[in-house]
Amino acid sequence: MRAILKQKILKTCNDKIEQKGINVGLSFYAFFANKNDNPELLMEAAEWWIKTHQLDHFEKAVKIKKMVEEI
């Protein structure tokens, strides 16, 4: 996982947890704007989420944060 994606995921998880609490769920789309301005990074996130870890569409932000911190 590229450092830029890791930073983006951690920031998004931290922001969502701060805003909505530890039970907040998110999908990998939460790491990107509603426009496809970086398709390579989006595909990297999708592959990590879906293919590598076979995660559900929505997962707890605290779970994702922990997984990414361990990389």
PDB file of N, CA and C in Angstrom:
ATOM      1  N   MET A   1       0.847  -1.179   0.000  1.00  0.00           N
ATOM      2  CA  MET A   1       0.000   0.000   0.000  1.00  0.00           C
ATOM      3  C   MET A   1       0.889   1.238   0.000  1.00  0.00           C
ATOM      4  N   ARG A   2       0.597   2.125  -0.940  1.00  0.00           N
ATOM      5  CA  ARG A   2       1.365   3.367  -1.007  1.00  0.00           C
ATOM      6  C   ARG A   2       1.101   4.231   0.222  1.00  0.00           C
ATOM      7  N   ALA A   3       2.117   5.003   0.590  1.00  0.00           N
ATOM      8  CA  ALA A   3       2.021   5.876   1.769  1.00  0.00           C
ATOM      9  C   ALA A   3       0.870   6.861   1.647  1.00  0.00           C
ATOM     10  N   ILE A   4       0.635   7.390   0.459  1.00  0.00           N
ATOM     11  CA  ILE A   4      -0.446   8.362   0.276  1.00  0.00           C
ATOM     12  C   ILE A   4      -1.809   7.741   0.579  1.00  0.00           C
ATOM     13  N   LEU A   5      -2.013   6.487   0.181  1.00  0.00           N
ATOM     14  CA  LEU A   5      -3.275   5.810   0.464  1.00  0.00           C
ATOM     15  C   LEU A   5      -3.395   5.514   1.952  1.00  0.00           C
ATOM     16  N   LYS A   6      -2.312   5.056   2.540  1.00  0.00           N
ATOM     17  CA  LYS A   6      -2.324   4.779   3.972  1.00  0.00           C
ATOM     18  C   LYS A   6      -2.682   6.042   4.765  1.00  0.00           C
ATOM     19  N   GLN A   7      -2.080   7.163   4.426  1.00  0.00           N
ATOM     20  CA  GLN A   7      -2.369   8.427   5.110  1.00  0.00           C
ATOM     21  C   GLN A   7      -3.826   8.837   4.918  1.00  0.00           C
ATOM     22  N   LYS A   8      -4.328   8.675   3.705  1.00  0.00           N
ATOM     23  CA  LYS A   8      -5.714   9.030   3.382  1.00  0.00           C
ATOM     24  C   LYS A   8      -6.687   8.178   4.198  1.00  0.00           C
ATOM     25  N   ILE A   9      -6.425   6.885   4.298  1.00  0.00           N
ATOM     26  CA  ILE A   9      -7.286   5.978   5.056  1.00  0.00           C
ATOM     27  C   ILE A   9      -7.272   6.336   6.541  1.00  0.00           C
ATOM     28  N   LEU A  10      -6.076   6.529   7.091  1.00  0.00           N
ATOM     29  CA  LEU A  10      -5.972   6.850   8.518  1.00  0.00           C
ATOM     30  C   LEU A  10      -6.653   8.174   8.843  1.00  0.00           C
ATOM     31  N   LYS A  11      -6.479   9.173   8.008  1.00  0.00           N
ATOM     32  CA  LYS A  11      -7.126  10.474   8.244  1.00  0.00           C
ATOM     33  C   LYS A  11      -8.645  10.334   8.200  1.00  0.00           C
ATOM     34  N   THR A  12      -9.144   9.632   7.199  1.00  0.00           N
ATOM     35  CA  THR A  12     -10.589   9.457   7.072  1.00  0.00           C
ATOM     36  C   THR A  12     -11.148   8.694   8.265  1.00  0.00           C
ATOM     37  N   CYS A  13     -10.489   7.627   8.663  1.00  0.00           N
ATOM     38  CA  CYS A  13     -10.943   6.854   9.826  1.00  0.00           C
ATOM     39  C   CYS A  13     -10.953   7.719  11.076  1.00  0.00           C
ATOM     40  N   ASN A  14      -9.870   8.441  11.310  1.00  0.00           N
ATOM     41  CA  ASN A  14      -9.796   9.310  12.492  1.00  0.00           C
ATOM     42  C   ASN A  14     -10.892  10.370  12.474  1.00  0.00           C
ATOM     43  N   ASP A  15     -11.121  10.991  11.317  1.00  0.00           N
ATOM     44  CA  ASP A  15     -12.158  12.020  11.201  1.00  0.00           C
ATOM     45  C   ASP A  15     -13.543  11.441  11.473  1.00  0.00           C
ATOM     46  N   LYS A  16     -13.842  10.298  10.879  1.00  0.00           N
ATOM     47  CA  LYS A  16     -15.161   9.674  11.059  1.00  0.00           C
ATOM     48  C   LYS A  16     -15.379   9.235  12.502  1.00  0.00           C
ATOM     49  N   ILE A  17     -14.353   8.662  13.119  1.00  0.00           N
ATOM     50  CA  ILE A  17     -14.466   8.228  14.513  1.00  0.00           C
ATOM     51  C   ILE A  17     -14.696   9.440  15.414  1.00  0.00           C
ATOM     52  N   GLU A  18     -13.972  10.511  15.147  1.00  0.00           N
ATOM     53  CA  GLU A  18     -14.129  11.731  15.945  1.00  0.00           C
ATOM     54  C   GLU A  18     -15.531  12.315  15.778  1.00  0.00           C
ATOM     55  N   GLN A  19     -16.043  12.303  14.568  1.00  0.00           N
ATOM     56  CA  GLN A  19     -17.356  12.893  14.281  1.00  0.00           C
ATOM     57  C   GLN A  19     -18.516  12.042  14.774  1.00  0.00           C
ATOM     58  N   LYS A  20     -18.410  10.718  14.597  1.00  0.00           N
ATOM     59  CA  LYS A  20     -19.575   9.862  14.809  1.00  0.00           C
ATOM     60  C   LYS A  20     -19.387   8.769  15.855  1.00  0.00           C
ATOM     61  N   GLY A  21     -18.195   8.668  16.435  1.00  0.00           N
ATOM     62  CA  GLY A  21     -17.964   7.679  17.472  1.00  0.00           C
ATOM     63  C   GLY A  21     -17.344   6.392  16.971  1.00  0.00           C
ATOM     64  N   ILE A  22     -17.014   5.519  17.904  1.00  0.00           N
ATOM     65  CA  ILE A  22     -16.251   4.309  17.577  1.00  0.00           C
ATOM     66  C   ILE A  22     -17.046   3.251  16.819  1.00  0.00           C
ATOM     67  N   ASN A  23     -18.348   3.398  16.746  1.00  0.00           N
ATOM     68  CA  ASN A  23     -19.156   2.404  16.032  1.00  0.00           C
ATOM     69  C   ASN A  23     -19.434   2.776  14.579  1.00  0.00           C
ATOM     70  N   VAL A  24     -18.831   3.861  14.111  1.00  0.00           N
ATOM     71  CA  VAL A  24     -19.086   4.303  12.743  1.00  0.00           C
ATOM     72  C   VAL A  24     -18.516   3.312  11.736  1.00  0.00           C
ATOM     73  N   GLY A  25     -19.315   3.055  10.702  1.00  0.00           N
ATOM     74  CA  GLY A  25     -18.876   2.187   9.630  1.00  0.00           C
ATOM     75  C   GLY A  25     -18.580   3.010   8.384  1.00  0.00           C
ATOM     76  N   LEU A  26     -17.769   2.446   7.513  1.00  0.00           N
ATOM     77  CA  LEU A  26     -17.474   3.114   6.257  1.00  0.00           C
ATOM     78  C   LEU A  26     -17.111   2.092   5.203  1.00  0.00           C
ATOM     79  N   SER A  27     -17.123   2.552   3.956  1.00  0.00           N
ATOM     80  CA  SER A  27     -16.675   1.720   2.852  1.00  0.00           C
ATOM     81  C   SER A  27     -15.415   2.357   2.273  1.00  0.00           C
ATOM     82  N   PHE A  28     -14.760   1.672   1.360  1.00  0.00           N
ATOM     83  CA  PHE A  28     -13.532   2.240   0.810  1.00  0.00           C
ATOM     84  C   PHE A  28     -13.818   3.489  -0.019  1.00  0.00           C
ATOM     85  N   TYR A  29     -15.053   3.677  -0.430  1.00  0.00           N
ATOM     86  CA  TYR A  29     -15.411   4.903  -1.152  1.00  0.00           C
ATOM     87  C   TYR A  29     -15.279   6.135  -0.267  1.00  0.00           C
ATOM     88  N   ALA A  30     -15.309   5.971   1.034  1.00  0.00           N
ATOM     89  CA  ALA A  30     -15.202   7.107   1.963  1.00  0.00           C
ATOM     90  C   ALA A  30     -13.844   7.800   1.847  1.00  0.00           C
ATOM     91  N   PHE A  31     -12.873   7.145   1.283  1.00  0.00           N
ATOM     92  CA  PHE A  31     -11.528   7.711   1.184  1.00  0.00           C
ATOM     93  C   PHE A  31     -11.360   8.615  -0.037  1.00  0.00           C
ATOM     94  N   PHE A  32     -12.416   8.755  -0.829  1.00  0.00           N
ATOM     95  CA  PHE A  32     -12.329   9.492  -2.087  1.00  0.00           C
ATOM     96  C   PHE A  32     -13.499  10.449  -2.224  1.00  0.00           C
ATOM     97  N   ALA A  33     -13.283  11.508  -3.006  1.00  0.00           N
ATOM     98  CA  ALA A  33     -14.356  12.443  -3.326  1.00  0.00           C
ATOM     99  C   ALA A  33     -15.371  11.730  -4.217  1.00  0.00           C
ATOM    100  N   ASN A  34     -16.493  12.349  -4.431  1.00  0.00           N
ATOM    101  CA  ASN A  34     -17.527  11.740  -5.267  1.00  0.00           C
ATOM    102  C   ASN A  34     -17.191  11.728  -6.744  1.00  0.00           C
ATOM    103  N   LYS A  35     -16.014  12.205  -7.072  1.00  0.00           N
ATOM    104  CA  LYS A  35     -15.577  12.132  -8.463  1.00  0.00           C
ATOM    105  C   LYS A  35     -14.345  11.246  -8.544  1.00  0.00           C
ATOM    106  N   ASN A  36     -14.164  10.649  -9.662  1.00  0.00           N
ATOM    107  CA  ASN A  36     -13.067   9.705  -9.856  1.00  0.00           C
ATOM    108  C   ASN A  36     -11.838  10.454 -10.363  1.00  0.00           C
ATOM    109  N   ASP A  37     -11.173  11.188  -9.458  1.00  0.00           N
ATOM    110  CA  ASP A  37     -10.033  11.992  -9.867  1.00  0.00           C
ATOM    111  C   ASP A  37      -8.694  11.274  -9.728  1.00  0.00           C
ATOM    112  N   ASN A  38      -8.698  10.088  -9.137  1.00  0.00           N
ATOM    113  CA  ASN A  38      -7.468   9.304  -9.016  1.00  0.00           C
ATOM    114  C   ASN A  38      -7.816   7.817  -9.140  1.00  0.00           C
ATOM    115  N   PRO A  39      -8.116   7.349 -10.354  1.00  0.00           N
ATOM    116  CA  PRO A  39      -8.575   5.973 -10.524  1.00  0.00           C
ATOM    117  C   PRO A  39      -7.578   4.915 -10.071  1.00  0.00           C
ATOM    118  N   GLU A  40      -6.282   5.171 -10.208  1.00  0.00           N
ATOM    119  CA  GLU A  40      -5.287   4.179  -9.785  1.00  0.00           C
ATOM    120  C   GLU A  40      -5.320   3.979  -8.273  1.00  0.00           C
ATOM    121  N   LEU A  41      -5.427   5.070  -7.526  1.00  0.00           N
ATOM    122  CA  LEU A  41      -5.480   4.975  -6.073  1.00  0.00           C
ATOM    123  C   LEU A  41      -6.792   4.333  -5.619  1.00  0.00           C
ATOM    124  N   LEU A  42      -7.889   4.688  -6.290  1.00  0.00           N
ATOM    125  CA  LEU A  42      -9.178   4.078  -5.987  1.00  0.00           C
ATOM    126  C   LEU A  42      -9.129   2.572  -6.198  1.00  0.00           C
ATOM    127  N   MET A  43      -8.536   2.135  -7.292  1.00  0.00           N
ATOM    128  CA  MET A  43      -8.431   0.702  -7.574  1.00  0.00           C
ATOM    129  C   MET A  43      -7.518   0.004  -6.572  1.00  0.00           C
ATOM    130  N   GLU A  44      -6.471   0.679  -6.139  1.00  0.00           N
ATOM    131  CA  GLU A  44      -5.592   0.107  -5.119  1.00  0.00           C
ATOM    132  C   GLU A  44      -6.362  -0.108  -3.816  1.00  0.00           C
ATOM    133  N   ALA A  45      -7.169   0.886  -3.436  1.00  0.00           N
ATOM    134  CA  ALA A  45      -7.983   0.761  -2.221  1.00  0.00           C
ATOM    135  C   ALA A  45      -9.016  -0.345  -2.374  1.00  0.00           C
ATOM    136  N   ALA A  46      -9.652  -0.406  -3.522  1.00  0.00           N
ATOM    137  CA  ALA A  46     -10.661  -1.436  -3.776  1.00  0.00           C
ATOM    138  C   ALA A  46     -10.051  -2.830  -3.722  1.00  0.00           C
ATOM    139  N   GLU A  47      -8.893  -2.996  -4.330  1.00  0.00           N
ATOM    140  CA  GLU A  47      -8.239  -4.307  -4.324  1.00  0.00           C
ATOM    141  C   GLU A  47      -7.845  -4.710  -2.907  1.00  0.00           C
ATOM    142  N   TRP A  48      -7.289  -3.765  -2.140  1.00  0.00           N
ATOM    143  CA  TRP A  48      -6.910  -4.051  -0.756  1.00  0.00           C
ATOM    144  C   TRP A  48      -8.142  -4.458   0.049  1.00  0.00           C
ATOM    145  N   TRP A  49      -9.230  -3.743  -0.134  1.00  0.00           N
ATOM    146  CA  TRP A  49     -10.461  -3.944   0.633  1.00  0.00           C
ATOM    147  C   TRP A  49     -11.172  -5.236   0.227  1.00  0.00           C
ATOM    148  N   ILE A  50     -11.379  -5.399  -1.075  1.00  0.00           N
ATOM    149  CA  ILE A  50     -12.223  -6.485  -1.579  1.00  0.00           C
ATOM    150  C   ILE A  50     -11.434  -7.765  -1.841  1.00  0.00           C
ATOM    151  N   LYS A  51     -10.392  -7.643  -2.629  1.00  0.00           N
ATOM    152  CA  LYS A  51      -9.671  -8.836  -3.075  1.00  0.00           C
ATOM    153  C   LYS A  51      -8.719  -9.369  -2.005  1.00  0.00           C
ATOM    154  N   THR A  52      -7.929  -8.496  -1.412  1.00  0.00           N
ATOM    155  CA  THR A  52      -6.914  -8.931  -0.450  1.00  0.00           C
ATOM    156  C   THR A  52      -7.526  -9.373   0.875  1.00  0.00           C
ATOM    157  N   HIS A  53      -8.463  -8.553   1.393  1.00  0.00           N
ATOM    158  CA  HIS A  53      -8.991  -8.822   2.743  1.00  0.00           C
ATOM    159  C   HIS A  53     -10.435  -9.314   2.766  1.00  0.00           C
ATOM    160  N   GLN A  54     -11.101  -9.332   1.618  1.00  0.00           N
ATOM    161  CA  GLN A  54     -12.473  -9.808   1.486  1.00  0.00           C
ATOM    162  C   GLN A  54     -13.388  -9.204   2.558  1.00  0.00           C
ATOM    163  N   LEU A  55     -13.287  -7.889   2.702  1.00  0.00           N
ATOM    164  CA  LEU A  55     -14.095  -7.179   3.692  1.00  0.00           C
ATOM    165  C   LEU A  55     -15.501  -6.945   3.152  1.00  0.00           C
ATOM    166  N   ASP A  56     -16.456  -6.792   4.064  1.00  0.00           N
ATOM    167  CA  ASP A  56     -17.820  -6.436   3.692  1.00  0.00           C
ATOM    168  C   ASP A  56     -17.832  -5.023   3.136  1.00  0.00           C
ATOM    169  N   HIS A  57     -18.950  -4.654   2.517  1.00  0.00           N
ATOM    170  CA  HIS A  57     -19.048  -3.308   1.942  1.00  0.00           C
ATOM    171  C   HIS A  57     -18.818  -2.241   3.008  1.00  0.00           C
ATOM    172  N   PHE A  58     -19.446  -2.401   4.167  1.00  0.00           N
ATOM    173  CA  PHE A  58     -19.228  -1.481   5.281  1.00  0.00           C
ATOM    174  C   PHE A  58     -18.517  -2.212   6.401  1.00  0.00           C
ATOM    175  N   GLU A  59     -17.491  -1.567   6.937  1.00  0.00           N
ATOM    176  CA  GLU A  59     -16.731  -2.089   8.070  1.00  0.00           C
ATOM    177  C   GLU A  59     -16.549  -0.968   9.088  1.00  0.00           C
ATOM    178  N   LYS A  60     -16.297  -1.338  10.319  1.00  0.00           N
ATOM    179  CA  LYS A  60     -16.056  -0.344  11.364  1.00  0.00           C
ATOM    180  C   LYS A  60     -14.751   0.395  11.071  1.00  0.00           C
ATOM    181  N   ALA A  61     -14.791   1.706  11.236  1.00  0.00           N
ATOM    182  CA  ALA A  61     -13.606   2.526  10.991  1.00  0.00           C
ATOM    183  C   ALA A  61     -12.456   2.121  11.908  1.00  0.00           C
ATOM    184  N   VAL A  62     -12.761   1.743  13.147  1.00  0.00           N
ATOM    185  CA  VAL A  62     -11.689   1.353  14.077  1.00  0.00           C
ATOM    186  C   VAL A  62     -10.990   0.085  13.590  1.00  0.00           C
ATOM    187  N   LYS A  63     -11.723  -0.825  12.975  1.00  0.00           N
ATOM    188  CA  LYS A  63     -11.133  -2.060  12.434  1.00  0.00           C
ATOM    189  C   LYS A  63     -10.197  -1.739  11.275  1.00  0.00           C
ATOM    190  N   ILE A  64     -10.652  -0.893  10.350  1.00  0.00           N
ATOM    191  CA  ILE A  64      -9.841  -0.517   9.197  1.00  0.00           C
ATOM    192  C   ILE A  64      -8.597   0.227   9.645  1.00  0.00           C
ATOM    193  N   LYS A  65      -8.779   1.149  10.579  1.00  0.00           N
ATOM    194  CA  LYS A  65      -7.640   1.917  11.099  1.00  0.00           C
ATOM    195  C   LYS A  65      -6.581   0.975  11.670  1.00  0.00           C
ATOM    196  N   LYS A  66      -7.004   0.022  12.467  1.00  0.00           N
ATOM    197  CA  LYS A  66      -6.049  -0.914  13.076  1.00  0.00           C
ATOM    198  C   LYS A  66      -5.332  -1.747  11.999  1.00  0.00           C
ATOM    199  N   MET A  67      -6.080  -2.203  11.012  1.00  0.00           N
ATOM    200  CA  MET A  67      -5.481  -2.999   9.943  1.00  0.00           C
ATOM    201  C   MET A  67      -4.405  -2.207   9.205  1.00  0.00           C
ATOM    202  N   VAL A  68      -4.703  -0.953   8.904  1.00  0.00           N
ATOM    203  CA  VAL A  68      -3.768  -0.122   8.139  1.00  0.00           C
ATOM    204  C   VAL A  68      -2.546   0.247   8.996  1.00  0.00           C
ATOM    205  N   GLU A  69      -2.762   0.500  10.260  1.00  0.00           N
ATOM    206  CA  GLU A  69      -1.622   0.822  11.145  1.00  0.00           C
ATOM    207  C   GLU A  69      -0.648  -0.342  11.264  1.00  0.00           C
ATOM    208  N   GLU A  70      -1.125  -1.553  11.095  1.00  0.00           N
ATOM    209  CA  GLU A  70      -0.275  -2.742  11.213  1.00  0.00           C
ATOM    210  C   GLU A  70       0.516  -3.053   9.940  1.00  0.00           C
ATOM    211  N   ILE A  71       0.261  -2.316   8.883  1.00  0.00           N
ATOM    212  CA  ILE A  71       0.989  -2.535   7.624  1.00  0.00           C
ATOM    213  C   ILE A  71       2.373  -1.944   7.735  1.00  0.00           C
TER     214      ILE A  71
END
